[in-house]
Every structure is written in C-alpha cells, then in structure tokens.
C-alpha atoms as a PDB file:
ATOM      1  CA  MET A   1      16.423  19.961 -23.244  1.00  0.00           C
ATOM      2  CA  PHE A   2      17.232  19.152 -19.584  1.00  0.00           C
ATOM      3  CA  ASN A   3      16.517  21.509 -16.721  1.00  0.00           C
ATOM      4  CA  ARG A   4      19.405  21.185 -14.098  1.00  0.00           C
ATOM      5  CA  ALA A   5      17.257  22.811 -11.367  1.00  0.00           C
ATOM      6  CA  THR A   6      14.884  19.892 -11.299  1.00  0.00           C
ATOM      7  CA  PRO A   7      16.494  16.462 -12.147  1.00  0.00           C
ATOM      8  CA  SER A   8      14.305  14.200 -14.237  1.00  0.00           C
ATOM      9  CA  HIS A   9      14.174  11.563 -11.468  1.00  0.00           C
ATOM     10  CA  GLN A  10      12.535  13.911  -9.023  1.00  0.00           C
ATOM     11  CA  THR A  11       8.783  14.305  -8.924  1.00  0.00           C
ATOM     12  CA  SER A  12       6.846  17.065  -7.275  1.00  0.00           C
ATOM     13  CA  ARG A  13       5.087  16.003  -4.129  1.00  0.00           C
ATOM     14  CA  PRO A  14       2.807  17.851  -1.828  1.00  0.00           C
ATOM     15  CA  PRO A  15       4.524  19.187   1.314  1.00  0.00           C
ATOM     16  CA  GLN A  16       4.532  16.679   4.227  1.00  0.00           C
ATOM     17  CA  VAL A  17       4.185  17.201   7.877  1.00  0.00           C
ATOM     18  CA  PRO A  18       7.687  16.804   9.561  1.00  0.00           C
ATOM     19  CA  GLY A  19       8.116  13.158  10.554  1.00  0.00           C
ATOM     20  CA  ALA A  20       5.096  12.105   8.598  1.00  0.00           C
ATOM     21  CA  SER A  21       5.340   9.251   5.977  1.00  0.00           C
ATOM     22  CA  PRO A  22       3.567   9.066   2.629  1.00  0.00           C
ATOM     23  CA  ASN A  23       1.139   6.634   4.304  1.00  0.00           C
ATOM     24  CA  SER A  24       0.007   9.184   6.899  1.00  0.00           C
ATOM     25  CA  THR A  25      -3.398  10.778   6.789  1.00  0.00           C
ATOM     26  CA  ASP A  26      -3.259  14.585   6.411  1.00  0.00           C
ATOM     27  CA  HIS A  27      -5.355  16.783   8.544  1.00  0.00           C
ATOM     28  CA  SER A  28      -8.292  17.096   6.139  1.00  0.00           C
ATOM     29  CA  GLN A  29      -8.518  13.285   5.614  1.00  0.00           C
ATOM     30  CA  TRP A  30      -8.423  12.788   9.342  1.00  0.00           C
ATOM     31  CA  GLU A  31     -11.232  15.299   9.963  1.00  0.00           C
ATOM     32  CA  ARG A  32     -13.459  13.398   7.567  1.00  0.00           C
ATOM     33  CA  LEU A  33     -12.485   9.998   8.928  1.00  0.00           C
ATOM     34  CA  GLU A  34     -12.498  10.511  12.664  1.00  0.00           C
ATOM     35  CA  PRO A  35     -16.221  11.160  13.163  1.00  0.00           C
ATOM     36  CA  LEU A  36     -16.936   7.822  11.260  1.00  0.00           C
ATOM     37  CA  LEU A  37     -14.882   5.740  13.690  1.00  0.00           C
ATOM     38  CA  PRO A  38     -16.635   3.707  16.381  1.00  0.00           C
ATOM     39  CA  VAL A  39     -16.578   5.096  19.869  1.00  0.00           C
ATOM     40  CA  GLY A  40     -15.180   2.881  22.642  1.00  0.00           C
ATOM     41  CA  LYS A  41     -17.840   1.140  24.777  1.00  0.00           C
ATOM     42  CA  LYS A  42     -16.265   1.759  28.140  1.00  0.00           C
ATOM     43  CA  PRO A  43     -13.642   3.918  29.494  1.00  0.00           C
ATOM     44  CA  GLY A  44     -10.470   2.113  30.320  1.00  0.00           C
ATOM     45  CA  ARG A  45      -6.830   2.549  30.479  1.00  0.00           C
ATOM     46  CA  PRO A  46      -5.709   5.726  28.659  1.00  0.00           C
ATOM     47  CA  ARG A  47      -4.450   5.168  25.163  1.00  0.00           C
ATOM     48  CA  ILE A  48      -0.697   5.083  24.557  1.00  0.00           C
ATOM     49  CA  TRP A  49      -1.043   5.002  20.826  1.00  0.00           C
ATOM     50  CA  THR A  50      -3.399   7.216  19.027  1.00  0.00           C
ATOM     51  CA  ARG A  51      -6.054   5.876  16.750  1.00  0.00           C
ATOM     52  CA  ARG A  52      -4.495   7.917  13.978  1.00  0.00           C
ATOM     53  CA  GLN A  53      -1.132   6.249  14.483  1.00  0.00           C
ATOM     54  CA  LEU A  54      -2.676   2.811  14.388  1.00  0.00           C
ATOM     55  CA  ILE A  55      -4.837   3.562  11.369  1.00  0.00           C
ATOM     56  CA  ASN A  56      -1.881   4.979   9.492  1.00  0.00           C
ATOM     57  CA  GLY A  57       0.014   1.766  10.402  1.00  0.00           C
ATOM     58  CA  ILE A  58      -2.886  -0.296   9.006  1.00  0.00           C
ATOM     59  CA  ARG A  59      -2.936   1.790   5.832  1.00  0.00           C
ATOM     60  CA  ARG A  60       0.802   1.338   5.444  1.00  0.00           C
ATOM     61  CA  ARG A  61       0.588  -2.444   5.912  1.00  0.00           C
ATOM     62  CA  THR A  62      -2.190  -2.900   3.408  1.00  0.00           C
ATOM     63  CA  ARG A  63      -0.533  -0.696   0.819  1.00  0.00           C
ATOM     64  CA  THR A  64       2.839  -2.418   1.041  1.00  0.00           C
ATOM     65  CA  GLY A  65       1.716  -5.924   1.704  1.00  0.00           C
ATOM     66  CA  ALA A  66       4.504  -6.288   4.280  1.00  0.00           C
ATOM     67  CA  PRO A  67       4.049  -8.630   7.170  1.00  0.00           C
ATOM     68  CA  TRP A  68       2.391  -7.146  10.369  1.00  0.00           C
ATOM     69  CA  ARG A  69       5.560  -7.794  12.298  1.00  0.00           C
ATOM     70  CA  ASP A  70       7.443  -5.411   9.998  1.00  0.00           C
ATOM     71  CA  LEU A  71       5.315  -2.450  10.885  1.00  0.00           C
ATOM     72  CA  PRO A  72       7.518   0.428  11.993  1.00  0.00           C
ATOM     73  CA  GLU A  73       7.324   1.328  15.665  1.00  0.00           C
ATOM     74  CA  ARG A  74       6.092   4.876  14.886  1.00  0.00           C
ATOM     75  CA  TYR A  75       2.680   3.337  14.182  1.00  0.00           C
ATOM     76  CA  GLY A  76       2.530   1.538  17.494  1.00  0.00           C
ATOM     77  CA  PRO A  77       3.066  -2.099  18.300  1.00  0.00           C
ATOM     78  CA  TRP A  78       2.312  -4.270  15.343  1.00  0.00           C
ATOM     79  CA  ASN A  79      -0.021  -6.489  17.407  1.00  0.00           C
ATOM     80  CA  ARG A  80      -2.155  -3.516  18.471  1.00  0.00           C
ATOM     81  CA  ALA A  81      -2.546  -2.401  14.834  1.00  0.00           C
ATOM     82  CA  TYR A  82      -3.351  -5.977  13.723  1.00  0.00           C
ATOM     83  CA  ASP A  83      -5.896  -6.427  16.600  1.00  0.00           C
ATOM     84  CA  ARG A  84      -7.643  -3.146  15.637  1.00  0.00           C
ATOM     85  CA  PHE A  85      -7.672  -4.250  11.929  1.00  0.00           C
ATOM     86  CA  ARG A  86      -9.118  -7.742  12.622  1.00  0.00           C
ATOM     87  CA  ARG A  87     -11.692  -6.432  15.129  1.00  0.00           C
ATOM     88  CA  TRP A  88     -12.962  -3.821  12.771  1.00  0.00           C
ATOM     89  CA  GLN A  89     -12.929  -6.351   9.943  1.00  0.00           C
ATOM     90  CA  ARG A  90     -15.048  -8.813  11.893  1.00  0.00           C
ATOM     91  CA  ASP A  91     -17.593  -6.301  13.103  1.00  0.00           C
ATOM     92  CA  GLY A  92     -18.058  -4.583   9.685  1.00  0.00           C
ATOM     93  CA  THR A  93     -16.431  -1.234  10.572  1.00  0.00           C
ATOM     94  CA  TRP A  94     -14.134  -1.173   7.468  1.00  0.00           C
ATOM     95  CA  LYS A  95     -17.034  -1.951   5.196  1.00  0.00           C
ATOM     96  CA  ARG A  96     -19.253   0.797   6.777  1.00  0.00           C
ATOM     97  CA  LEU A  97     -16.375   3.385   6.571  1.00  0.00           C
ATOM     98  CA  PHE A  98     -15.904   2.620   2.890  1.00  0.00           C
ATOM     99  CA  GLU A  99     -19.576   2.776   2.195  1.00  0.00           C
ATOM    100  CA  GLN A 100     -20.001   6.166   3.969  1.00  0.00           C
ATOM    101  CA  LEU A 101     -16.971   7.705   2.350  1.00  0.00           C
ATOM    102  CA  GLN A 102     -18.073   6.424  -0.984  1.00  0.00           C
ATOM    103  CA  ALA A 103     -21.549   7.910  -0.570  1.00  0.00           C
ATOM    104  CA  GLU A 104     -19.867  11.290   0.246  1.00  0.00           C
ATOM    105  CA  ALA A 105     -17.830  11.084  -2.839  1.00  0.00           C
ATOM    106  CA  ASP A 106     -20.812  10.174  -4.951  1.00  0.00           C
ATOM    107  CA  ALA A 107     -22.892  13.036  -3.609  1.00  0.00           C
ATOM    108  CA  LYS A 108     -20.210  15.532  -4.601  1.00  0.00           C
ATOM    109  CA  THR A 109     -20.375  14.426  -8.309  1.00  0.00           C
END
C-alpha cells in the first residue's frame, strides 16, 4: 500500500552537481550549446562571471518569470544577465540558437 522508504511526496530526480540548481545546464547540454554562442569581437577585460553562469541566470529568470532584480547572485549581477539577454535578443542570437538546436533535434528523429 505505502512504501515508507520513499514517501509519496518525493519524486526521483537526476543527480545534481553540488551547488547547482535545477535551472543549471548540465555538462552535456553545455557542450552542445557553447560552440553555438557568439564569440566576442574584441578582447577586453577578463570575465568575472562566466557565460554559463549568466545563461543559467537567464534560463532561471525566463522559467520563473521573476523580476530581473530578483536573480540570485550566484548567476552574476542581474544587470549583466539582463544586458546579455537583451543584446542577444536584438541581434537574433536567441533565434539562431533555437533554430540550430531544433535542426539538430529534427535530424535525430
């Protein structure tokens, strides 16, 4: 009837990287996504926040619908994530990423 070892309110989840959130990209996802990202035009100041952190923050914000200012600090400053999101929205990067990932998925079926 009821298994005490696994309460009914618990669900099985894949193992997470320590400190990672459910919104984080796993290693295999990042390996597919990283080569599709635009390359910076000129070298400048070294990055403090990794692209992966910022993209995970953007993903979290779009999934939750929370205000940008409520983005947890582990994803970098909210205004950096917002700036990256808007820049890539304006130049068509998000659309291109989606189209390329969709084409890969369609080719597998």
